[in-house]
Protein backbone atom coordinates (compact mmCIF):
# COMPACT_ATOMS: atom_id res chain seq x y z
CA MET A 1 -30.15 -29.32 27.22
CA ASN A 2 -32.53 -26.01 27.35
CA LYS A 3 -32.54 -23.12 24.34
CA SER A 4 -29.80 -20.83 25.78
CA GLU A 5 -27.44 -23.94 25.79
CA ARG A 6 -28.09 -24.98 22.65
CA LEU A 7 -27.76 -21.50 21.25
CA PHE A 8 -24.37 -20.93 22.94
CA ALA A 9 -23.43 -24.49 21.53
CA GLN A 10 -24.67 -23.76 17.77
CA MET A 11 -22.86 -20.03 18.26
CA LYS A 12 -19.76 -22.27 19.52
CA SER A 13 -19.62 -24.39 16.80
CA GLN A 14 -20.34 -21.80 14.45
CA ARG A 15 -17.11 -19.95 14.87
CA LYS A 16 -15.07 -23.02 15.24
CA LYS A 17 -16.43 -23.46 11.36
CA SER A 18 -15.73 -19.75 10.41
CA VAL A 19 -12.02 -19.58 12.17
CA PHE A 20 -11.49 -23.48 10.08
CA LEU A 21 -12.94 -22.11 6.72
CA GLY A 22 -10.63 -18.63 7.39
CA ILE A 23 -7.20 -20.60 7.85
CA ILE A 24 -8.44 -22.93 4.60
CA LEU A 25 -8.85 -19.95 2.74
CA LEU A 26 -5.33 -18.09 4.07
CA ILE A 27 -3.65 -21.08 3.21
CA LEU A 28 -5.36 -21.33 -0.26
CA ILE A 29 -4.97 -17.66 -0.97
CA GLY A 30 -0.80 -18.50 -0.35
CA LEU A 31 -0.88 -21.54 -2.62
CA VAL A 32 -2.52 -19.36 -5.39
CA MET A 33 -0.04 -16.78 -5.05
CA LEU A 34 2.99 -18.90 -5.65
CA VAL A 35 1.06 -20.65 -8.29
CA SER A 36 0.44 -17.28 -9.70
CA ILE A 37 3.93 -16.43 -10.08
CA TYR A 38 5.08 -19.54 -11.39
CA LEU A 39 2.69 -19.57 -14.28
CA GLY A 40 3.13 -17.71 -17.13
CA ARG A 41 5.85 -17.84 -20.94
CA ALA A 42 8.97 -17.42 -18.31
CA GLU A 43 9.55 -20.37 -16.20
CA PHE A 44 10.25 -20.33 -12.70
CA ASP A 45 11.34 -22.53 -9.94
CA ILE A 46 9.63 -22.35 -6.50
CA MET A 47 12.91 -21.98 -4.84
CA GLU A 48 13.56 -18.86 -7.28
CA ILE A 49 10.60 -17.34 -6.64
CA LEU A 50 10.72 -17.78 -3.02
CA LYS A 51 14.27 -16.35 -2.83
CA VAL A 52 13.45 -13.64 -4.84
CA ILE A 53 10.11 -12.35 -2.78
CA TRP A 54 12.25 -13.11 1.07
CA GLY A 55 15.30 -11.05 -0.20
CA LYS A 56 13.45 -8.09 -1.66
CA SER A 57 11.11 -7.74 1.30
CA THR A 58 13.81 -8.14 3.97
CA TYR A 59 16.43 -5.81 1.46
CA GLN A 60 18.79 -8.89 1.15
CA PRO A 61 19.80 -8.89 -2.57
CA ASN A 62 22.82 -11.73 -1.51
CA ILE A 63 19.94 -14.22 -1.23
CA TYR A 64 18.77 -13.74 -5.26
CA GLU A 65 21.97 -12.52 -6.65
CA ASN A 66 22.72 -15.74 -8.27
CA ILE A 67 19.34 -15.11 -10.35
CA LYS A 68 19.56 -13.13 -13.44
CA ASN A 69 17.85 -9.35 -13.29
CA SER A 70 15.55 -9.97 -15.72
CA ARG A 71 13.92 -12.71 -14.17
CA VAL A 72 13.86 -11.02 -10.96
CA ALA A 73 12.24 -8.13 -12.66
CA ILE A 74 9.62 -10.53 -13.98
CA ILE A 75 8.85 -12.08 -10.62
CA TRP A 76 9.21 -8.68 -8.54
CA ASP A 77 8.21 -5.90 -10.65
CA ILE A 78 5.77 -7.84 -13.15
CA ARG A 79 4.01 -10.52 -11.69
CA LEU A 80 3.73 -10.00 -7.85
CA PRO A 81 1.93 -6.56 -8.15
CA ARG A 82 -0.54 -7.84 -10.85
CA ILE A 83 -1.17 -10.39 -8.12
CA LEU A 84 -1.19 -8.46 -5.08
CA THR A 85 -3.74 -5.65 -7.00
CA GLY A 86 -6.16 -8.60 -7.60
CA LEU A 87 -5.95 -9.83 -4.05
CA PHE A 88 -6.51 -6.64 -2.61
CA VAL A 89 -9.08 -5.50 -5.46
CA GLY A 90 -11.35 -9.09 -5.02
CA ALA A 91 -11.26 -8.66 -1.16
CA GLY A 92 -11.96 -4.80 -1.08
CA LEU A 93 -15.04 -5.58 -3.67
CA ALA A 94 -16.17 -8.50 -1.08
CA VAL A 95 -16.14 -6.56 2.08
CA ALA A 96 -17.64 -3.51 0.27
CA GLY A 97 -20.49 -6.01 -0.92
CA THR A 98 -21.17 -7.36 2.34
CA VAL A 99 -21.39 -3.80 3.95
CA PHE A 100 -23.61 -2.74 1.21
CA GLN A 101 -25.84 -5.87 1.58
CA SER A 102 -26.57 -5.30 5.14
CA LEU A 103 -26.79 -1.54 5.33
CA LEU A 104 -29.34 -1.29 2.18
CA MET A 105 -30.96 -4.86 3.60
CA ASN A 106 -30.48 -6.19 0.02
CA PRO A 107 -29.46 -9.25 -0.96
CA LEU A 108 -28.89 -7.84 -4.54
CA ALA A 109 -27.03 -5.09 -3.55
CA ASP A 110 -23.05 -4.89 -4.50
CA PRO A 111 -20.18 -2.11 -4.36
CA TYR A 112 -21.77 -0.68 -7.49
CA THR A 113 -25.54 -0.22 -6.30
CA ILE A 114 -25.51 3.82 -5.01
CA GLY A 115 -22.94 4.65 -8.59
CA VAL A 116 -19.81 4.56 -6.91
CA SER A 117 -18.19 2.41 -9.58
CA THR A 118 -20.17 4.49 -11.99
CA GLY A 119 -18.39 7.72 -11.17
CA ALA A 120 -15.13 6.20 -10.71
CA ALA A 121 -15.75 5.22 -14.64
CA PHE A 122 -17.15 8.62 -15.82
CA GLY A 123 -13.96 9.95 -14.41
CA ALA A 124 -11.51 7.87 -15.92
CA SER A 125 -13.53 8.24 -19.29
CA LEU A 126 -13.29 11.83 -19.18
CA VAL A 127 -9.56 11.77 -18.76
CA ILE A 128 -9.02 8.98 -21.15
CA TYR A 129 -10.77 11.11 -23.68
CA VAL A 130 -8.56 14.17 -22.71
CA ASN A 131 -5.49 12.65 -22.85
CA ILE A 132 -6.50 10.94 -26.08
CA PHE A 133 -7.16 14.63 -27.96
CA PHE A 134 -5.06 16.54 -26.15
CA GLU A 135 -1.51 15.02 -26.98
CA THR A 136 0.03 18.12 -24.65
CA VAL A 137 -1.53 16.82 -21.52
CA LYS A 138 -1.54 13.80 -19.93
CA LEU A 139 -3.21 13.25 -16.87
CA PRO A 140 -3.22 10.23 -14.91
CA VAL A 141 -6.22 8.08 -14.80
CA ILE A 142 -6.24 6.85 -10.88
CA PRO A 143 -6.78 10.02 -9.03
CA PHE A 144 -9.73 11.46 -11.23
CA ALA A 145 -11.41 7.86 -11.43
CA PHE A 146 -10.93 7.66 -7.28
CA ALA A 147 -12.52 11.52 -7.21
CA GLY A 148 -15.03 10.47 -9.67
CA ALA A 149 -16.30 8.03 -7.45
CA ILE A 150 -15.99 10.13 -4.32
CA LEU A 151 -17.72 13.54 -5.61
CA THR A 152 -20.66 10.49 -6.98
CA LEU A 153 -21.18 9.51 -3.01
CA ILE A 154 -21.22 12.88 -1.80
CA LEU A 155 -24.00 13.56 -4.45
CA VAL A 156 -26.12 10.25 -3.62
CA ILE A 157 -25.81 10.99 -0.11
CA TYR A 158 -27.08 14.60 -0.72
CA ILE A 159 -30.03 13.56 -2.62
CA ALA A 160 -30.89 10.76 0.08
CA SER A 161 -31.07 13.17 2.79
CA VAL A 162 -32.65 15.80 1.09
CA SER A 163 -36.01 14.28 2.53
CA GLY A 164 -33.99 14.17 6.37
CA ASN A 165 -34.36 10.58 6.47
CA MET A 166 -31.61 8.75 4.74
CA HIS A 167 -32.71 4.93 4.78
CA SER A 168 -31.72 2.73 2.53
CA GLY A 169 -34.57 2.89 -0.08
CA ASN A 170 -33.61 6.82 -0.57
CA LEU A 171 -30.12 5.36 -1.29
CA ILE A 172 -30.74 2.95 -3.89
CA ILE A 173 -32.66 5.43 -5.67
CA ALA A 174 -30.87 7.96 -5.40
CA GLY A 175 -27.76 5.84 -6.62
CA ILE A 176 -29.84 4.82 -9.38
CA ILE A 177 -30.82 8.26 -10.53
CA VAL A 178 -26.92 9.39 -10.36
CA SER A 179 -25.92 6.21 -11.90
CA SER A 180 -28.10 6.44 -14.79
CA ILE A 181 -27.13 10.00 -15.17
CA LEU A 182 -22.97 9.25 -14.94
CA SER A 183 -23.85 6.07 -17.58
CA ALA A 184 -25.27 8.52 -20.08
CA GLY A 185 -22.40 10.73 -19.87
CA ILE A 186 -19.95 7.91 -20.03
CA SER A 187 -21.92 6.79 -23.51
CA PHE A 188 -21.59 10.81 -24.36
CA ILE A 189 -17.91 10.70 -24.13
CA LYS A 190 -17.35 7.15 -25.94
CA ASN A 191 -19.18 8.52 -28.90
CA ALA A 192 -17.05 11.69 -28.92
CA ALA A 193 -13.82 9.57 -28.66
CA ASP A 194 -15.13 7.83 -32.39
CA GLU A 195 -12.08 5.73 -33.42
CA GLU A 196 -9.84 6.06 -30.39
CA VAL A 197 -13.11 4.66 -28.35
CA SER A 198 -10.88 1.28 -27.41
CA ALA A 199 -9.17 2.76 -24.69
CA ILE A 200 -11.82 3.75 -22.93
CA ILE A 201 -13.79 0.26 -23.14
CA PHE A 202 -10.88 -1.65 -22.14
CA TRP A 203 -10.72 0.20 -18.86
CA ILE A 204 -14.46 0.26 -18.27
CA MET A 205 -14.08 -3.62 -19.23
CA GLY A 206 -11.79 -4.31 -16.21
CA SER A 207 -8.24 -5.44 -16.21
CA LEU A 208 -5.17 -6.40 -13.72
CA ALA A 209 -2.92 -6.33 -16.62
CA ALA A 210 0.66 -4.09 -16.19
CA LYS A 211 -0.09 -3.34 -12.51
CA THR A 212 2.79 -1.41 -10.65
CA TRP A 213 3.66 -1.61 -7.26
CA GLY A 214 2.17 2.13 -6.85
CA GLN A 215 -1.34 0.90 -7.65
CA VAL A 216 -0.64 -1.90 -4.98
CA LEU A 217 0.40 0.67 -2.41
CA LEU A 218 -2.93 2.80 -2.94
CA VAL A 219 -5.37 0.05 -2.98
CA MET A 220 -3.70 -2.01 -0.10
CA PRO A 221 -4.34 0.40 2.89
CA ILE A 222 -7.58 1.47 1.95
CA VAL A 223 -8.91 -2.15 1.64
CA ILE A 224 -6.99 -3.36 4.69
CA ILE A 225 -8.15 -0.22 7.20
CA GLY A 226 -11.03 0.16 5.78
CA SER A 227 -11.93 -3.51 6.42
CA PHE A 228 -10.75 -3.37 9.94
CA ILE A 229 -13.05 -0.43 10.61
CA CYS A 230 -16.01 -2.51 9.33
CA MET A 231 -15.24 -5.42 11.12
CA PHE A 232 -14.94 -3.30 14.26
CA PHE A 233 -18.52 -2.30 13.83
CA ALA A 234 -19.66 -5.17 12.69
CA GLN A 235 -21.66 -5.66 15.33
CA ASP A 236 -23.45 -2.44 15.14
CA LEU A 237 -24.23 -3.14 11.32
CA ASN A 238 -25.79 -6.35 12.74
CA ILE A 239 -27.99 -4.10 14.57
CA LEU A 240 -28.91 -1.81 11.55
CA CYS A 241 -30.13 -4.70 9.48
CA LEU A 242 -33.01 -5.17 12.48
CA GLY A 243 -34.26 -1.83 11.07
CA GLU A 244 -34.15 1.63 11.79
CA GLU A 245 -36.44 1.67 15.26
CA ASP A 246 -35.26 -1.59 16.56
CA ALA A 247 -31.75 0.23 15.91
CA LYS A 248 -32.85 3.24 17.80
CA SER A 249 -34.02 1.41 20.49
CA LEU A 250 -31.33 -0.57 20.74
CA GLY A 251 -29.05 2.59 21.40
CA VAL A 252 -27.27 2.86 17.72
CA ASN A 253 -26.79 5.95 16.17
CA THR A 254 -28.07 4.95 13.03
CA LYS A 255 -27.52 8.33 11.01
CA LYS A 256 -23.87 8.23 12.11
CA MET A 257 -23.31 4.73 11.29
CA ARG A 258 -24.90 4.18 8.21
CA LYS A 259 -22.39 7.21 7.14
CA VAL A 260 -19.71 5.62 8.16
CA PHE A 261 -20.24 2.34 6.79
CA LEU A 262 -21.21 4.42 3.63
CA ILE A 263 -18.12 6.22 3.15
CA ILE A 264 -15.99 3.40 4.38
CA GLY A 265 -17.65 0.82 1.54
CA ALA A 266 -17.41 3.74 -1.12
CA LEU A 267 -13.80 4.85 -0.06
CA ILE A 268 -13.10 0.76 -0.33
CA THR A 269 -14.95 0.60 -3.53
CA ALA A 270 -13.42 3.60 -5.35
CA ALA A 271 -9.60 2.44 -4.45
CA CYS A 272 -10.80 -0.98 -6.15
CA VAL A 273 -12.11 0.80 -9.49
CA SER A 274 -9.58 3.19 -10.11
CA VAL A 275 -6.93 0.65 -9.89
CA SER A 276 -8.62 -2.01 -11.93
CA GLY A 277 -11.51 -0.71 -13.75
CA VAL A 278 -15.01 -2.10 -13.26
CA ILE A 279 -14.80 -5.76 -11.90
CA GLY A 280 -18.41 -7.08 -11.65
CA PHE A 281 -20.26 -9.76 -9.73
CA VAL A 282 -17.17 -10.50 -7.09
CA GLY A 283 -18.84 -7.78 -4.41
CA LEU A 284 -22.15 -9.38 -5.06
CA ILE A 285 -21.84 -13.11 -5.02
CA ILE A 286 -19.33 -13.43 -2.80
CA PRO A 287 -20.86 -12.28 0.28
CA HIS A 288 -24.21 -13.48 -0.92
CA LEU A 289 -23.06 -17.09 -0.79
CA LEU A 290 -21.15 -16.96 2.21
CA ARG A 291 -24.47 -15.82 4.16
CA PHE A 292 -26.49 -18.46 2.74
CA ALA A 293 -23.64 -21.49 3.48
CA VAL A 294 -21.93 -20.35 6.54
CA SER A 295 -23.84 -17.16 8.65
CA THR A 296 -25.57 -14.07 8.41
CA ASP A 297 -23.47 -12.61 11.25
CA ASN A 298 -21.26 -9.51 9.59
CA ARG A 299 -18.70 -10.26 12.15
CA VAL A 300 -17.87 -13.87 10.61
CA LEU A 301 -19.17 -12.30 6.72
CA ILE A 302 -16.91 -9.52 6.40
CA PRO A 303 -13.67 -11.39 6.76
CA LEU A 304 -14.44 -14.64 5.20
CA SER A 305 -15.79 -12.20 1.97
CA GLY A 306 -12.39 -10.15 1.90
CA LEU A 307 -10.58 -13.75 2.28
CA LEU A 308 -12.84 -15.60 -0.69
CA GLY A 309 -13.22 -12.68 -2.83
CA ALA A 310 -9.47 -12.02 -3.09
CA LEU A 311 -9.19 -15.84 -4.12
CA ILE A 312 -11.68 -15.88 -6.48
CA LEU A 313 -10.06 -13.07 -8.28
CA MET A 314 -7.19 -14.28 -8.50
CA LEU A 315 -8.50 -17.35 -9.94
CA ALA A 316 -9.87 -15.49 -12.27
CA ASP A 317 -6.96 -13.26 -13.56
CA ASN A 318 -5.21 -16.46 -13.99
CA LEU A 319 -7.67 -18.14 -16.36
CA SER A 320 -8.30 -14.98 -18.39
CA ARG A 321 -4.30 -14.64 -18.76
CA ILE A 322 -3.52 -18.42 -19.36
CA LEU A 323 -6.47 -19.94 -20.83
CA PHE A 324 -6.72 -17.83 -23.92
CA VAL A 325 -4.54 -16.70 -26.70
CA SER A 326 -5.42 -12.59 -26.17
CA GLU A 327 -5.87 -12.09 -22.53
CA THR A 328 -9.10 -11.44 -21.89
CA PRO A 329 -9.86 -8.67 -19.41
CA VAL A 330 -11.09 -10.44 -16.16
CA GLY A 331 -13.92 -7.75 -15.68
CA VAL A 332 -15.49 -9.47 -18.25
CA LEU A 333 -14.64 -12.81 -17.22
CA THR A 334 -15.98 -12.56 -13.88
CA THR A 335 -19.50 -10.98 -15.29
CA LEU A 336 -19.58 -14.30 -18.12
CA ILE A 337 -18.76 -16.58 -14.72
CA GLY A 338 -20.66 -15.06 -12.28
CA GLY A 339 -24.18 -14.16 -14.18
CA PRO A 340 -24.92 -17.70 -14.42
CA PHE A 341 -23.62 -18.75 -11.11
CA PHE A 342 -25.79 -16.10 -9.08
CA ILE A 343 -28.94 -17.43 -11.29
CA TYR A 344 -28.25 -21.04 -9.66
CA ILE A 345 -27.68 -19.73 -6.11
CA PHE A 346 -30.51 -17.26 -6.33
CA ILE A 347 -32.70 -20.30 -7.79
CA ARG A 348 -31.74 -22.69 -5.07
CA ARG A 349 -31.76 -20.25 -2.38
CA ASN A 350 -35.60 -19.78 -3.16
CA LYS A 351 -36.23 -23.27 -3.34
CA TYR A 352 -34.82 -23.72 0.29
CA VAL A 353 -36.32 -21.03 1.71
CA GLN A 354 -40.03 -22.10 0.05
CA GLY A 355 -38.76 -25.53 1.36
């Protein structure tokens, strides 16, 4: 078997492995969704859950007419929106993390590297502060968090493009500068909020509690459409990883594609952060782990990262609401678990590279 035949066989084996892993992840996501609805103070059997979901989804109320309205409401209006929000937020953060790590050519990059999440947190903190101290004004948090994230992206792109060459180094530096300024702004708002600061802190810690269908319908289309766009241009992202000059020589419009991935990744991150608050380490660990264990090909990484990110965040949310007497914000849990786990992956990866 010559070199090209070995390479083809290796690619075929990798493709089969990726498809198999994707199917396994889809099955696990379905099972975790059912278990997540099942778990809680109010107990249900699986048939009740399936009847409510199928009846509501197909607009056939006769399917669940024998189930009490209160039980239907718990399944459909309380637990399912929370679970789906976790699914799409986890998937979105993981996809955005994959894109940013490849785009910035930095395995330590994540959806928050260019300051988008800090912008969302600043917008949310500002609105929460206004709502606390001006009782006649009740502004919605999500639109302002989303707007803060987008305005931050625009500012980062502008700063990174001042020299006329928006390469990865400039983007990272611009992101750090803007993020530092906004972090100081958040600290100032928290200090000004005084005794009412808990509302701002709770939002920043990240939580999936009390989510509604409105929030699901906000994050779902952005994550799905954004992920498909990233998958469609995944080969261009692979070429961008080769470097500026090599990518140009292969016919890729590097400036245009970099902006496309930046905007899509930032939009996905903005949607996720605006509905859930800041949930760390999902977008950092998932793509890094899959890149080490499965493949560096973004055509494989993007969909698998989305599936694994959804699964991990749903599992973390179950732990946060079931294992503790008082519910712990899932953003705190992902950071507590993700930090040491990432250190382990990083050390193991370095040993593998050196060995």
